[in-house]
Amino acid sequence: MTPTRTRLVSRHMLLACAVVVAMAAAAGCSKSSDKAEKAPPTSTVSTSTAPSPDRTALAKIGAAAAYVHMWSAAAAAYHAGKVTSPQLELYATDKALAAISQTGLYYQDHGFVMNGQPSSMPVVTSVDFSATPYTAKITDCLDSTHYVEVERKTGKAVPRGEGPYRHVTTAVARFNGKNWLISELTIQRDRTC
């Protein structure tokens, strides 16, 4: 497995573990013993319920996962010389999908494909539940150091400048009632990180 692929798999595992931990914390834990003493019966009825999961934490996990999956699907489409893909449309919509598709069209028109994958560590900076659809803002330091544009026919790398290859990237995720989708995406080429 390549270092980039290992990093991506590690991120997916981290997100999956975070979801499991959040769900376990929400469900609560109890310890029972065979020798536990029985409590005396009472005449009151308890109406307490298990605490609900922290919806902000779950929203952050979902939005970050959509962002990571969006970049993975975009990299696969760009590597295949496609403008977009059904996989990409599971994670991106609106302006974000249009921007990614426009980039894919540029690569296709010029006979280029992308090798490798950008490195990403998104941080969900805020979640807004005040209106529907719910939204989340994401900031990232997108690193394209090992994401190389090549000629499709020859596999020869397309000359590129000396960098920098790390740029602040912002995104907006929107919850459609079932899933988080990235609806806006801006790579700030004038801001390095």
N, C-alpha and C. Protein backbone atom coordinates (compact mmCIF):
# COMPACT_ATOMS: atom_id res chain seq x y z
N MET A 1 0.84 -1.17 0.00
CA MET A 1 0.00 0.00 0.00
C MET A 1 0.88 1.23 0.00
N THR A 2 0.53 2.23 -0.84
CA THR A 2 1.33 3.44 -0.90
C THR A 2 1.11 4.28 0.35
N PRO A 3 2.07 5.17 0.67
CA PRO A 3 1.89 6.03 1.86
C PRO A 3 0.62 6.86 1.77
N THR A 4 0.28 7.35 0.55
CA THR A 4 -0.93 8.16 0.40
C THR A 4 -2.16 7.31 0.67
N ARG A 5 -2.19 6.11 0.12
CA ARG A 5 -3.32 5.20 0.31
C ARG A 5 -3.43 4.81 1.78
N THR A 6 -2.30 4.57 2.44
CA THR A 6 -2.29 4.23 3.85
C THR A 6 -2.86 5.38 4.67
N ARG A 7 -2.46 6.62 4.33
CA ARG A 7 -2.96 7.79 5.03
C ARG A 7 -4.46 7.91 4.86
N LEU A 8 -4.98 7.65 3.63
CA LEU A 8 -6.41 7.73 3.37
C LEU A 8 -7.16 6.66 4.14
N VAL A 9 -6.65 5.43 4.12
CA VAL A 9 -7.28 4.34 4.86
C VAL A 9 -7.27 4.67 6.34
N SER A 10 -6.17 5.22 6.84
CA SER A 10 -6.09 5.59 8.26
C SER A 10 -7.14 6.63 8.60
N ARG A 11 -7.35 7.60 7.72
CA ARG A 11 -8.37 8.62 7.98
C ARG A 11 -9.75 7.99 8.01
N HIS A 12 -10.02 7.07 7.08
CA HIS A 12 -11.33 6.41 7.06
C HIS A 12 -11.53 5.61 8.35
N MET A 13 -10.48 4.94 8.80
CA MET A 13 -10.58 4.17 10.04
C MET A 13 -10.79 5.11 11.22
N LEU A 14 -10.11 6.26 11.22
CA LEU A 14 -10.26 7.23 12.29
C LEU A 14 -11.69 7.74 12.35
N LEU A 15 -12.26 8.06 11.17
CA LEU A 15 -13.64 8.53 11.14
C LEU A 15 -14.59 7.44 11.62
N ALA A 16 -14.38 6.21 11.19
CA ALA A 16 -15.24 5.10 11.63
C ALA A 16 -15.13 4.90 13.13
N CYS A 17 -13.92 4.97 13.67
CA CYS A 17 -13.73 4.81 15.11
C CYS A 17 -14.40 5.95 15.87
N ALA A 18 -14.31 7.16 15.33
CA ALA A 18 -14.94 8.30 16.00
C ALA A 18 -16.45 8.12 16.06
N VAL A 19 -17.04 7.60 14.99
CA VAL A 19 -18.48 7.36 14.98
C VAL A 19 -18.84 6.30 16.02
N VAL A 20 -18.08 5.23 16.09
CA VAL A 20 -18.34 4.16 17.06
C VAL A 20 -18.21 4.69 18.48
N VAL A 21 -17.17 5.48 18.75
CA VAL A 21 -16.97 6.03 20.09
C VAL A 21 -18.12 6.96 20.45
N ALA A 22 -18.53 7.80 19.51
CA ALA A 22 -19.63 8.72 19.78
C ALA A 22 -20.92 7.96 20.07
N MET A 23 -21.17 6.90 19.32
CA MET A 23 -22.39 6.11 19.54
C MET A 23 -22.32 5.38 20.87
N ALA A 24 -21.15 4.87 21.21
CA ALA A 24 -21.01 4.16 22.48
C ALA A 24 -21.19 5.11 23.65
N ALA A 25 -20.62 6.31 23.51
CA ALA A 25 -20.77 7.29 24.58
C ALA A 25 -22.22 7.71 24.74
N ALA A 26 -22.92 7.78 23.60
CA ALA A 26 -24.33 8.17 23.67
C ALA A 26 -25.18 7.08 24.31
N ALA A 27 -24.83 5.85 24.06
CA ALA A 27 -25.62 4.74 24.59
C ALA A 27 -25.36 4.53 26.08
N GLY A 28 -24.21 4.93 26.55
CA GLY A 28 -23.86 4.74 27.96
C GLY A 28 -23.37 3.34 28.21
N CYS A 29 -22.80 3.14 29.32
CA CYS A 29 -22.25 1.84 29.66
C CYS A 29 -22.79 1.44 31.02
N SER A 30 -22.95 0.15 31.22
CA SER A 30 -23.34 -0.33 32.54
C SER A 30 -22.54 -1.56 32.86
N LYS A 31 -22.31 -1.78 34.13
CA LYS A 31 -21.55 -2.94 34.56
C LYS A 31 -22.47 -3.76 35.46
N SER A 32 -22.61 -5.01 35.16
CA SER A 32 -23.47 -5.84 35.99
C SER A 32 -22.63 -6.92 36.66
N SER A 33 -23.18 -7.43 37.74
CA SER A 33 -22.49 -8.47 38.48
C SER A 33 -23.51 -9.51 38.90
N ASP A 34 -23.06 -10.77 38.91
CA ASP A 34 -23.96 -11.84 39.33
C ASP A 34 -24.39 -11.67 40.78
N LYS A 35 -23.55 -11.03 41.58
CA LYS A 35 -23.83 -10.89 43.00
C LYS A 35 -24.38 -9.50 43.34
N ALA A 36 -24.88 -8.80 42.34
CA ALA A 36 -25.40 -7.45 42.60
C ALA A 36 -26.63 -7.54 43.49
N GLU A 37 -26.71 -6.60 44.38
CA GLU A 37 -27.85 -6.58 45.28
C GLU A 37 -29.04 -5.99 44.55
N LYS A 38 -30.19 -6.55 44.83
CA LYS A 38 -31.40 -6.03 44.23
C LYS A 38 -31.86 -4.82 45.02
N ALA A 39 -32.27 -3.81 44.31
CA ALA A 39 -32.78 -2.61 44.97
C ALA A 39 -34.20 -2.88 45.45
N PRO A 40 -34.56 -2.29 46.56
CA PRO A 40 -35.92 -2.50 47.03
C PRO A 40 -36.91 -1.86 46.07
N PRO A 41 -38.09 -2.44 45.94
CA PRO A 41 -39.08 -1.87 45.03
C PRO A 41 -39.51 -0.49 45.53
N THR A 42 -39.80 0.36 44.56
CA THR A 42 -40.25 1.70 44.90
C THR A 42 -41.58 1.95 44.22
N SER A 43 -42.27 2.96 44.66
CA SER A 43 -43.56 3.27 44.08
C SER A 43 -43.46 4.36 43.02
N THR A 44 -42.28 4.90 42.79
CA THR A 44 -42.13 5.93 41.76
C THR A 44 -41.68 5.29 40.46
N VAL A 45 -42.05 5.90 39.36
CA VAL A 45 -41.68 5.43 38.04
C VAL A 45 -40.68 6.40 37.45
N SER A 46 -39.57 5.88 36.95
CA SER A 46 -38.54 6.73 36.36
C SER A 46 -38.91 7.03 34.91
N THR A 47 -38.79 8.28 34.53
CA THR A 47 -39.06 8.68 33.15
C THR A 47 -37.78 9.13 32.45
N SER A 48 -36.64 8.85 33.05
CA SER A 48 -35.39 9.28 32.42
C SER A 48 -35.10 8.39 31.22
N THR A 49 -34.41 8.97 30.27
CA THR A 49 -34.00 8.24 29.08
C THR A 49 -32.50 8.35 28.94
N ALA A 50 -31.95 7.51 28.11
CA ALA A 50 -30.51 7.56 27.85
C ALA A 50 -30.20 8.89 27.18
N PRO A 51 -29.05 9.45 27.46
CA PRO A 51 -28.72 10.73 26.84
C PRO A 51 -28.61 10.57 25.33
N SER A 52 -29.04 11.59 24.58
CA SER A 52 -28.95 11.53 23.13
C SER A 52 -27.53 11.88 22.70
N PRO A 53 -27.12 11.39 21.54
CA PRO A 53 -25.77 11.70 21.07
C PRO A 53 -25.63 13.21 20.88
N ASP A 54 -24.44 13.70 21.05
CA ASP A 54 -24.15 15.11 20.82
C ASP A 54 -24.26 15.36 19.32
N ARG A 55 -25.32 16.02 18.92
CA ARG A 55 -25.57 16.18 17.49
C ARG A 55 -24.51 17.02 16.80
N THR A 56 -23.89 17.94 17.53
CA THR A 56 -22.82 18.73 16.92
C THR A 56 -21.62 17.84 16.61
N ALA A 57 -21.26 16.97 17.54
CA ALA A 57 -20.13 16.07 17.32
C ALA A 57 -20.42 15.13 16.15
N LEU A 58 -21.63 14.59 16.11
CA LEU A 58 -22.00 13.69 15.01
C LEU A 58 -22.03 14.43 13.67
N ALA A 59 -22.51 15.68 13.68
CA ALA A 59 -22.52 16.48 12.46
C ALA A 59 -21.10 16.74 11.97
N LYS A 60 -20.20 17.04 12.90
CA LYS A 60 -18.80 17.28 12.51
C LYS A 60 -18.18 16.04 11.89
N ILE A 61 -18.47 14.89 12.47
CA ILE A 61 -17.94 13.63 11.93
C ILE A 61 -18.50 13.40 10.52
N GLY A 62 -19.79 13.58 10.35
CA GLY A 62 -20.42 13.37 9.05
C GLY A 62 -19.93 14.33 7.98
N ALA A 63 -19.80 15.61 8.33
CA ALA A 63 -19.33 16.61 7.37
C ALA A 63 -17.88 16.35 6.97
N ALA A 64 -17.03 16.03 7.95
CA ALA A 64 -15.62 15.75 7.65
C ALA A 64 -15.50 14.50 6.78
N ALA A 65 -16.30 13.49 7.06
CA ALA A 65 -16.27 12.26 6.25
C ALA A 65 -16.68 12.56 4.81
N ALA A 66 -17.72 13.37 4.63
CA ALA A 66 -18.15 13.73 3.27
C ALA A 66 -17.03 14.44 2.53
N TYR A 67 -16.32 15.32 3.22
CA TYR A 67 -15.21 16.06 2.61
C TYR A 67 -14.09 15.11 2.17
N VAL A 68 -13.69 14.21 3.05
CA VAL A 68 -12.62 13.26 2.74
C VAL A 68 -13.03 12.35 1.58
N HIS A 69 -14.26 11.85 1.63
CA HIS A 69 -14.76 10.97 0.55
C HIS A 69 -14.88 11.73 -0.77
N MET A 70 -15.27 13.01 -0.70
CA MET A 70 -15.37 13.82 -1.92
C MET A 70 -14.01 13.90 -2.61
N TRP A 71 -12.94 14.19 -1.84
CA TRP A 71 -11.62 14.28 -2.46
C TRP A 71 -11.15 12.94 -2.99
N SER A 72 -11.47 11.87 -2.31
CA SER A 72 -11.09 10.54 -2.79
C SER A 72 -11.80 10.23 -4.11
N ALA A 73 -13.10 10.54 -4.18
CA ALA A 73 -13.86 10.30 -5.41
C ALA A 73 -13.40 11.22 -6.54
N ALA A 74 -13.07 12.47 -6.22
CA ALA A 74 -12.57 13.39 -7.24
C ALA A 74 -11.24 12.90 -7.79
N ALA A 75 -10.34 12.45 -6.92
CA ALA A 75 -9.04 11.93 -7.37
C ALA A 75 -9.22 10.72 -8.27
N ALA A 76 -10.16 9.84 -7.93
CA ALA A 76 -10.42 8.66 -8.77
C ALA A 76 -10.95 9.07 -10.14
N ALA A 77 -11.87 10.05 -10.16
CA ALA A 77 -12.41 10.52 -11.44
C ALA A 77 -11.32 11.17 -12.28
N TYR A 78 -10.50 12.02 -11.66
CA TYR A 78 -9.42 12.69 -12.39
C TYR A 78 -8.39 11.68 -12.91
N HIS A 79 -8.12 10.64 -12.13
CA HIS A 79 -7.17 9.62 -12.57
C HIS A 79 -7.72 8.83 -13.76
N ALA A 80 -9.02 8.62 -13.78
CA ALA A 80 -9.66 7.88 -14.87
C ALA A 80 -9.94 8.76 -16.09
N GLY A 81 -9.66 10.06 -15.97
CA GLY A 81 -9.93 10.97 -17.08
C GLY A 81 -11.40 11.31 -17.22
N LYS A 82 -12.14 11.21 -16.14
CA LYS A 82 -13.58 11.48 -16.16
C LYS A 82 -13.84 12.89 -15.63
N VAL A 83 -14.95 13.47 -16.08
CA VAL A 83 -15.35 14.78 -15.61
C VAL A 83 -15.94 14.67 -14.21
N THR A 84 -16.74 13.62 -14.00
CA THR A 84 -17.35 13.36 -12.70
C THR A 84 -17.60 11.86 -12.60
N SER A 85 -18.24 11.44 -11.52
CA SER A 85 -18.55 10.03 -11.34
C SER A 85 -19.74 9.89 -10.41
N PRO A 86 -20.45 8.77 -10.48
CA PRO A 86 -21.55 8.55 -9.54
C PRO A 86 -21.06 8.58 -8.09
N GLN A 87 -19.86 8.08 -7.84
CA GLN A 87 -19.30 8.08 -6.49
C GLN A 87 -19.11 9.51 -5.98
N LEU A 88 -18.61 10.39 -6.85
CA LEU A 88 -18.39 11.78 -6.48
C LEU A 88 -19.72 12.46 -6.13
N GLU A 89 -20.77 12.12 -6.86
CA GLU A 89 -22.07 12.75 -6.64
C GLU A 89 -22.71 12.30 -5.32
N LEU A 90 -22.15 11.31 -4.67
CA LEU A 90 -22.62 10.91 -3.34
C LEU A 90 -22.13 11.88 -2.26
N TYR A 91 -21.07 12.63 -2.57
CA TYR A 91 -20.42 13.47 -1.56
C TYR A 91 -20.35 14.95 -1.92
N ALA A 92 -20.59 15.30 -3.18
CA ALA A 92 -20.51 16.70 -3.61
C ALA A 92 -21.76 17.08 -4.37
N THR A 93 -22.14 18.34 -4.25
CA THR A 93 -23.32 18.86 -4.92
C THR A 93 -23.11 20.34 -5.23
N ASP A 94 -24.01 20.91 -5.98
CA ASP A 94 -24.04 22.34 -6.26
C ASP A 94 -22.69 22.88 -6.73
N LYS A 95 -22.24 23.98 -6.13
CA LYS A 95 -21.02 24.67 -6.57
C LYS A 95 -19.78 23.79 -6.45
N ALA A 96 -19.72 22.96 -5.42
CA ALA A 96 -18.55 22.08 -5.24
C ALA A 96 -18.47 21.07 -6.38
N LEU A 97 -19.59 20.44 -6.70
CA LEU A 97 -19.61 19.46 -7.78
C LEU A 97 -19.30 20.14 -9.11
N ALA A 98 -19.84 21.35 -9.32
CA ALA A 98 -19.57 22.09 -10.56
C ALA A 98 -18.08 22.42 -10.69
N ALA A 99 -17.45 22.85 -9.59
CA ALA A 99 -16.03 23.20 -9.64
C ALA A 99 -15.17 21.97 -9.93
N ILE A 100 -15.49 20.86 -9.29
CA ILE A 100 -14.73 19.63 -9.51
C ILE A 100 -14.93 19.15 -10.94
N SER A 101 -16.16 19.22 -11.43
CA SER A 101 -16.45 18.79 -12.81
C SER A 101 -15.74 19.68 -13.81
N GLN A 102 -15.69 20.99 -13.54
CA GLN A 102 -15.00 21.92 -14.43
C GLN A 102 -13.51 21.58 -14.50
N THR A 103 -12.92 21.25 -13.37
CA THR A 103 -11.51 20.85 -13.35
C THR A 103 -11.32 19.55 -14.13
N GLY A 104 -12.23 18.59 -13.93
CA GLY A 104 -12.16 17.33 -14.68
C GLY A 104 -12.27 17.56 -16.18
N LEU A 105 -13.13 18.49 -16.60
CA LEU A 105 -13.28 18.83 -18.01
C LEU A 105 -11.99 19.43 -18.56
N TYR A 106 -11.33 20.29 -17.77
CA TYR A 106 -10.05 20.87 -18.18
C TYR A 106 -9.03 19.76 -18.43
N TYR A 107 -8.91 18.83 -17.48
CA TYR A 107 -7.96 17.73 -17.64
C TYR A 107 -8.29 16.91 -18.88
N GLN A 108 -9.57 16.61 -19.06
CA GLN A 108 -10.00 15.81 -20.21
C GLN A 108 -9.70 16.52 -21.52
N ASP A 109 -10.02 17.81 -21.60
CA ASP A 109 -9.78 18.59 -22.83
C ASP A 109 -8.30 18.69 -23.18
N HIS A 110 -7.43 18.66 -22.18
CA HIS A 110 -5.99 18.79 -22.41
C HIS A 110 -5.27 17.44 -22.46
N GLY A 111 -6.00 16.35 -22.32
CA GLY A 111 -5.38 15.03 -22.37
C GLY A 111 -4.57 14.69 -21.14
N PHE A 112 -4.95 15.26 -20.00
CA PHE A 112 -4.23 15.02 -18.75
C PHE A 112 -5.06 14.14 -17.81
N VAL A 113 -4.37 13.44 -16.94
CA VAL A 113 -4.99 12.75 -15.81
C VAL A 113 -4.14 13.06 -14.59
N MET A 114 -4.67 12.74 -13.44
CA MET A 114 -3.94 13.00 -12.20
C MET A 114 -3.50 11.67 -11.60
N ASN A 115 -2.27 11.62 -11.14
CA ASN A 115 -1.75 10.46 -10.42
C ASN A 115 -1.54 10.84 -8.97
N GLY A 116 -1.82 9.90 -8.09
CA GLY A 116 -1.69 10.17 -6.66
C GLY A 116 -2.99 10.70 -6.10
N GLN A 117 -2.88 11.32 -4.95
CA GLN A 117 -4.06 11.87 -4.29
C GLN A 117 -3.62 13.00 -3.38
N PRO A 118 -4.45 14.04 -3.28
CA PRO A 118 -4.08 15.11 -2.35
C PRO A 118 -4.19 14.62 -0.91
N SER A 119 -3.39 15.20 -0.05
CA SER A 119 -3.44 14.88 1.37
C SER A 119 -4.31 15.93 2.05
N SER A 120 -5.11 15.46 3.00
CA SER A 120 -6.09 16.35 3.59
C SER A 120 -6.32 16.02 5.06
N MET A 121 -6.49 17.06 5.88
CA MET A 121 -6.84 16.90 7.29
C MET A 121 -7.89 17.96 7.63
N PRO A 122 -9.13 17.73 7.24
CA PRO A 122 -10.15 18.76 7.44
C PRO A 122 -10.52 18.96 8.90
N VAL A 123 -10.89 20.20 9.22
CA VAL A 123 -11.38 20.54 10.55
C VAL A 123 -12.74 21.23 10.35
N VAL A 124 -13.76 20.70 10.98
CA VAL A 124 -15.07 21.33 10.92
C VAL A 124 -15.06 22.44 11.97
N THR A 125 -15.13 23.68 11.50
CA THR A 125 -14.98 24.83 12.39
C THR A 125 -16.31 25.28 13.01
N SER A 126 -17.43 24.96 12.35
CA SER A 126 -18.72 25.33 12.92
C SER A 126 -19.83 24.50 12.29
N VAL A 127 -20.91 24.35 13.05
CA VAL A 127 -22.11 23.68 12.57
C VAL A 127 -23.28 24.59 12.89
N ASP A 128 -24.18 24.77 11.92
CA ASP A 128 -25.33 25.64 12.11
C ASP A 128 -26.61 24.82 11.98
N PHE A 129 -27.34 24.71 13.09
CA PHE A 129 -28.61 24.01 13.11
C PHE A 129 -29.80 24.98 13.09
N SER A 130 -29.55 26.28 12.92
CA SER A 130 -30.62 27.27 13.04
C SER A 130 -31.58 27.27 11.86
N ALA A 131 -31.18 26.73 10.74
CA ALA A 131 -32.05 26.67 9.56
C ALA A 131 -31.81 25.36 8.85
N THR A 132 -32.79 24.95 8.05
CA THR A 132 -32.59 23.74 7.25
C THR A 132 -32.36 24.16 5.81
N PRO A 133 -31.48 23.52 5.10
CA PRO A 133 -30.67 22.41 5.58
C PRO A 133 -29.59 22.89 6.54
N TYR A 134 -29.23 22.01 7.47
CA TYR A 134 -28.14 22.30 8.39
C TYR A 134 -26.86 22.43 7.58
N THR A 135 -25.95 23.26 8.07
CA THR A 135 -24.68 23.45 7.37
C THR A 135 -23.50 23.33 8.33
N ALA A 136 -22.36 23.02 7.76
CA ALA A 136 -21.12 22.94 8.52
C ALA A 136 -20.02 23.60 7.68
N LYS A 137 -19.16 24.35 8.34
CA LYS A 137 -18.03 24.97 7.66
C LYS A 137 -16.77 24.17 7.95
N ILE A 138 -15.98 23.96 6.90
CA ILE A 138 -14.78 23.13 6.99
C ILE A 138 -13.59 23.94 6.51
N THR A 139 -12.48 23.80 7.22
CA THR A 139 -11.20 24.39 6.80
C THR A 139 -10.18 23.27 6.72
N ASP A 140 -9.33 23.36 5.72
CA ASP A 140 -8.35 22.31 5.48
C ASP A 140 -7.06 22.92 4.97
N CYS A 141 -5.99 22.18 5.12
CA CYS A 141 -4.72 22.51 4.47
C CYS A 141 -4.51 21.41 3.43
N LEU A 142 -4.97 21.66 2.22
CA LEU A 142 -4.91 20.66 1.16
C LEU A 142 -3.50 20.62 0.57
N ASP A 143 -2.91 19.45 0.59
CA ASP A 143 -1.52 19.27 0.15
C ASP A 143 -1.50 18.45 -1.14
N SER A 144 -1.09 19.08 -2.23
CA SER A 144 -1.03 18.38 -3.52
C SER A 144 0.40 18.05 -3.93
N THR A 145 1.29 17.98 -2.96
CA THR A 145 2.70 17.69 -3.24
C THR A 145 2.86 16.41 -4.04
N HIS A 146 2.12 15.37 -3.68
CA HIS A 146 2.25 14.07 -4.34
C HIS A 146 1.06 13.78 -5.25
N TYR A 147 0.44 14.82 -5.75
CA TYR A 147 -0.70 14.74 -6.65
C TYR A 147 -0.25 15.35 -7.96
N VAL A 148 0.07 14.50 -8.94
CA VAL A 148 0.81 14.94 -10.11
C VAL A 148 -0.03 14.83 -11.38
N GLU A 149 -0.03 15.90 -12.15
CA GLU A 149 -0.71 15.95 -13.44
C GLU A 149 0.20 15.30 -14.49
N VAL A 150 -0.35 14.34 -15.25
CA VAL A 150 0.44 13.65 -16.27
C VAL A 150 -0.33 13.61 -17.59
N GLU A 151 0.42 13.44 -18.68
CA GLU A 151 -0.21 13.29 -19.99
C GLU A 151 -0.82 11.89 -20.05
N ARG A 152 -2.06 11.84 -20.44
CA ARG A 152 -2.79 10.56 -20.44
C ARG A 152 -2.13 9.54 -21.38
N LYS A 153 -1.73 9.96 -22.56
CA LYS A 153 -1.18 9.03 -23.55
C LYS A 153 0.21 8.52 -23.20
N THR A 154 1.05 9.40 -22.65
CA THR A 154 2.46 9.03 -22.43
C THR A 154 2.78 8.74 -20.97
N GLY A 155 1.97 9.24 -20.05
CA GLY A 155 2.27 9.09 -18.63
C GLY A 155 3.35 10.05 -18.15
N LYS A 156 3.79 10.93 -19.04
CA LYS A 156 4.83 11.90 -18.71
C LYS A 156 4.24 13.01 -17.84
N ALA A 157 4.96 13.36 -16.77
CA ALA A 157 4.50 14.42 -15.87
C ALA A 157 4.46 15.76 -16.59
N VAL A 158 3.41 16.50 -16.35
CA VAL A 158 3.26 17.84 -16.91
C VAL A 158 4.09 18.78 -16.03
N PRO A 159 4.96 19.60 -16.64
CA PRO A 159 5.78 20.51 -15.84
C PRO A 159 4.91 21.41 -14.97
N ARG A 160 5.34 21.59 -13.73
CA ARG A 160 4.63 22.49 -12.83
C ARG A 160 5.64 23.33 -12.07
N GLY A 161 5.17 24.40 -11.52
CA GLY A 161 6.03 25.31 -10.78
C GLY A 161 6.60 24.65 -9.53
N GLU A 162 7.41 25.40 -8.84
CA GLU A 162 8.06 24.88 -7.63
C GLU A 162 7.17 24.92 -6.41
N GLY A 163 5.96 25.33 -6.52
CA GLY A 163 5.08 25.34 -5.37
C GLY A 163 4.80 26.75 -4.92
N PRO A 164 4.18 26.89 -3.83
CA PRO A 164 3.84 25.90 -2.81
C PRO A 164 2.68 25.00 -3.27
N TYR A 165 2.62 23.83 -2.68
CA TYR A 165 1.60 22.85 -3.02
C TYR A 165 0.59 22.64 -1.90
N ARG A 166 0.69 23.43 -0.86
CA ARG A 166 -0.24 23.34 0.27
C ARG A 166 -1.03 24.65 0.34
N HIS A 167 -2.37 24.52 0.25
CA HIS A 167 -3.21 25.70 0.24
C HIS A 167 -4.38 25.55 1.21
N VAL A 168 -4.72 26.68 1.83
CA VAL A 168 -5.91 26.70 2.68
C VAL A 168 -7.12 26.45 1.78
N THR A 169 -7.95 25.54 2.21
CA THR A 169 -9.15 25.19 1.45
C THR A 169 -10.34 25.29 2.40
N THR A 170 -11.40 25.92 1.93
CA THR A 170 -12.61 26.03 2.74
C THR A 170 -13.75 25.35 2.01
N ALA A 171 -14.69 24.84 2.79
CA ALA A 171 -15.84 24.16 2.20
C ALA A 171 -17.05 24.37 3.10
N VAL A 172 -18.20 24.21 2.50
CA VAL A 172 -19.45 24.21 3.24
C VAL A 172 -20.13 22.88 2.95
N ALA A 173 -20.51 22.19 4.02
CA ALA A 173 -21.25 20.94 3.89
C ALA A 173 -22.70 21.22 4.24
N ARG A 174 -23.59 20.52 3.57
CA ARG A 174 -25.02 20.70 3.80
C ARG A 174 -25.64 19.34 4.08
N PHE A 175 -26.51 19.28 5.08
CA PHE A 175 -27.18 18.03 5.44
C PHE A 175 -28.50 17.95 4.68
N ASN A 176 -28.67 16.90 3.86
CA ASN A 176 -29.87 16.79 3.03
C ASN A 176 -31.00 15.99 3.71
N GLY A 177 -30.85 15.73 4.99
CA GLY A 177 -31.85 14.95 5.70
C GLY A 177 -31.39 13.52 5.93
N LYS A 178 -30.43 13.08 5.12
CA LYS A 178 -29.87 11.73 5.25
C LYS A 178 -28.35 11.77 5.36
N ASN A 179 -27.73 12.59 4.51
CA ASN A 179 -26.27 12.61 4.40
C ASN A 179 -25.74 14.03 4.35
N TRP A 180 -24.48 14.16 4.70
CA TRP A 180 -23.78 15.43 4.50
C TRP A 180 -23.16 15.44 3.12
N LEU A 181 -23.32 16.55 2.39
CA LEU A 181 -22.75 16.73 1.06
C LEU A 181 -21.97 18.04 1.05
N ILE A 182 -20.88 18.06 0.33
CA ILE A 182 -20.10 19.29 0.20
C ILE A 182 -20.76 20.11 -0.91
N SER A 183 -21.21 21.32 -0.56
CA SER A 183 -21.93 22.15 -1.53
C SER A 183 -21.09 23.33 -2.04
N GLU A 184 -20.09 23.74 -1.28
CA GLU A 184 -19.20 24.81 -1.71
C GLU A 184 -17.76 24.41 -1.42
N LEU A 185 -16.87 24.78 -2.31
CA LEU A 185 -15.46 24.40 -2.18
C LEU A 185 -14.59 25.51 -2.76
N THR A 186 -13.64 26.00 -1.96
CA THR A 186 -12.74 27.04 -2.43
C THR A 186 -11.31 26.69 -2.03
N ILE A 187 -10.46 26.50 -3.04
CA ILE A 187 -9.03 26.33 -2.79
C ILE A 187 -8.42 27.73 -2.89
N GLN A 188 -7.92 28.23 -1.79
CA GLN A 188 -7.40 29.59 -1.75
C GLN A 188 -5.93 29.57 -2.15
N ARG A 189 -5.69 29.70 -3.44
CA ARG A 189 -4.33 29.57 -3.98
C ARG A 189 -3.39 30.66 -3.46
N ASP A 190 -3.93 31.74 -2.95
CA ASP A 190 -3.09 32.83 -2.43
C ASP A 190 -2.76 32.63 -0.95
N ARG A 191 -3.31 31.59 -0.32
CA ARG A 191 -3.04 31.32 1.09
C ARG A 191 -2.40 29.95 1.24
N THR A 192 -1.16 29.93 1.71
CA THR A 192 -0.47 28.66 1.92
C THR A 192 -0.61 28.25 3.39
N CYS A 193 -0.30 27.00 3.65
CA CYS A 193 -0.40 26.49 5.02
C CYS A 193 0.67 25.45 5.27
